[in-house]
Amino acid sequence: MLNRLKNRTMGPMGLLGFVVYPSAWAALPTPVAPSTAPAAGDWIGLIQGYIKDGGLVLGLAIAVLGFLWVAYLAFAKFNEARQGKAEWAEVGVLGIVGAVVLIFASYLLTEAAGVI
């Protein structure tokens, strides 16, 4: 019974606290402008800038996942070679091909960043 009464009064008491003590309102930080820095009042440019920055972050996240995938495959192939289930040449080929794939993905990300 006491807990129920306590739960019912906490909401109004909290609102009363915000009204009585204005210093309880936290000053929110100003949002960071997107990298394109549109003019003041240009909402479409602001939204496009945030979408561009989000796309770049998403592309970088996909590149990181690709790097982790290639690293996992390299460790797995290295472990197989240590156990005698795979040839050491396969480990070398995987390392070279993985490096080429990561360099190509980095190139594509750089080109895409300039296009967006």
Protein backbone atom coordinates (compact mmCIF):
# COMPACT_ATOMS: atom_id res chain seq x y z
CA MET A 1 0.00 0.00 0.00
CA LEU A 2 2.78 2.41 0.94
CA ASN A 3 4.77 1.55 -2.21
CA ARG A 4 1.70 2.14 -4.37
CA LEU A 5 1.10 5.56 -2.80
CA LYS A 6 4.79 6.37 -3.14
CA ASN A 7 4.79 5.45 -6.86
CA ARG A 8 1.72 7.62 -7.50
CA THR A 9 3.21 10.71 -5.89
CA MET A 10 6.71 10.54 -7.37
CA GLY A 11 5.65 11.83 -10.81
CA PRO A 12 3.85 14.96 -9.63
CA MET A 13 6.53 15.65 -7.04
CA GLY A 14 9.21 15.45 -9.73
CA LEU A 15 7.32 17.90 -11.94
CA LEU A 16 6.83 20.22 -9.00
CA GLY A 17 10.57 20.06 -8.36
CA PHE A 18 11.31 21.13 -11.92
CA VAL A 19 8.85 24.02 -11.68
CA VAL A 20 10.00 25.26 -8.27
CA TYR A 21 13.73 24.85 -8.92
CA PRO A 22 14.54 26.02 -12.46
CA SER A 23 18.17 25.14 -11.88
CA ALA A 24 17.09 21.50 -12.01
CA TRP A 25 16.73 21.84 -15.80
CA ALA A 26 19.94 20.67 -17.41
CA ALA A 27 21.38 22.83 -20.13
CA LEU A 28 21.52 20.61 -23.19
CA PRO A 29 24.66 20.84 -25.31
CA THR A 30 24.41 22.29 -28.76
CA PRO A 31 24.23 19.59 -31.44
CA VAL A 32 27.26 19.04 -33.60
CA ALA A 33 26.74 20.29 -37.13
CA PRO A 34 27.30 17.81 -39.95
CA SER A 35 30.53 17.89 -41.91
CA THR A 36 28.91 19.76 -44.81
CA ALA A 37 28.04 22.74 -42.52
CA PRO A 38 24.87 24.02 -44.19
CA ALA A 39 23.72 27.63 -43.86
CA ALA A 40 21.61 28.61 -40.86
CA GLY A 41 17.96 27.73 -41.42
CA ASP A 42 18.66 25.27 -44.26
CA TRP A 43 16.89 22.23 -42.83
CA ILE A 44 17.16 20.17 -46.01
CA GLY A 45 20.92 20.73 -46.15
CA LEU A 46 21.17 19.85 -42.45
CA ILE A 47 19.28 16.58 -42.94
CA GLN A 48 21.35 15.74 -46.03
CA GLY A 49 24.54 16.39 -44.06
CA TYR A 50 23.47 14.11 -41.25
CA ILE A 51 22.50 11.39 -43.74
CA LYS A 52 25.90 11.75 -45.43
CA ASP A 53 27.73 11.47 -42.12
CA GLY A 54 25.59 8.49 -41.13
CA GLY A 55 26.36 6.79 -44.45
CA LEU A 56 30.07 7.33 -43.92
CA VAL A 57 29.89 5.87 -40.42
CA LEU A 58 27.90 2.91 -41.74
CA GLY A 59 30.47 2.34 -44.49
CA LEU A 60 33.30 2.45 -41.96
CA ALA A 61 31.44 -0.02 -39.73
CA ILE A 62 31.05 -2.40 -42.68
CA ALA A 63 34.76 -2.02 -43.45
CA VAL A 64 35.62 -2.85 -39.83
CA LEU A 65 33.42 -5.94 -40.02
CA GLY A 66 35.22 -6.94 -43.22
CA PHE A 67 38.59 -6.50 -41.52
CA LEU A 68 37.45 -8.64 -38.57
CA TRP A 69 36.11 -11.29 -40.95
CA VAL A 70 39.42 -11.50 -42.85
CA ALA A 71 41.35 -11.60 -39.55
CA TYR A 72 39.11 -14.40 -38.25
CA LEU A 73 39.62 -16.41 -41.44
CA ALA A 74 43.38 -15.86 -41.25
CA PHE A 75 43.53 -17.07 -37.65
CA ALA A 76 41.35 -20.07 -38.47
CA LYS A 77 43.53 -21.00 -41.47
CA PHE A 78 46.68 -20.49 -39.37
CA ASN A 79 45.26 -22.82 -36.72
CA GLU A 80 44.43 -25.43 -39.39
CA ALA A 81 47.96 -25.19 -40.76
CA ARG A 82 49.42 -25.70 -37.28
CA GLN A 83 47.29 -28.83 -36.85
CA GLY A 84 48.34 -30.16 -40.24
CA LYS A 85 44.88 -29.89 -41.80
CA ALA A 86 45.94 -27.17 -44.27
CA GLU A 87 49.08 -26.16 -46.15
CA TRP A 88 51.12 -23.15 -45.09
CA ALA A 89 50.83 -21.84 -48.64
CA GLU A 90 47.07 -21.51 -48.08
CA VAL A 91 47.78 -19.23 -45.11
CA GLY A 92 50.02 -17.05 -47.27
CA VAL A 93 47.50 -16.89 -50.10
CA LEU A 94 44.73 -15.98 -47.67
CA GLY A 95 46.91 -13.22 -46.20
CA ILE A 96 47.69 -11.75 -49.61
CA VAL A 97 44.11 -11.99 -50.89
CA GLY A 98 42.75 -10.62 -47.61
CA ALA A 99 45.11 -7.65 -47.78
CA VAL A 100 44.09 -6.94 -51.38
CA VAL A 101 40.40 -7.12 -50.47
CA LEU A 102 40.86 -4.74 -47.54
CA ILE A 103 42.86 -2.27 -49.63
CA PHE A 104 40.17 -2.38 -52.34
CA ALA A 105 37.42 -1.86 -49.76
CA SER A 106 39.32 1.13 -48.33
CA TYR A 107 39.68 2.58 -51.84
CA LEU A 108 35.96 2.17 -52.49
CA LEU A 109 35.11 3.84 -49.17
CA THR A 110 37.33 6.80 -49.98
CA GLU A 111 35.76 7.21 -53.40
CA ALA A 112 32.25 6.88 -52.00
CA ALA A 113 32.95 9.53 -49.37
CA GLY A 114 33.79 12.00 -52.13
CA VAL A 115 30.67 11.18 -54.16
CA ILE A 116 28.09 11.45 -51.39
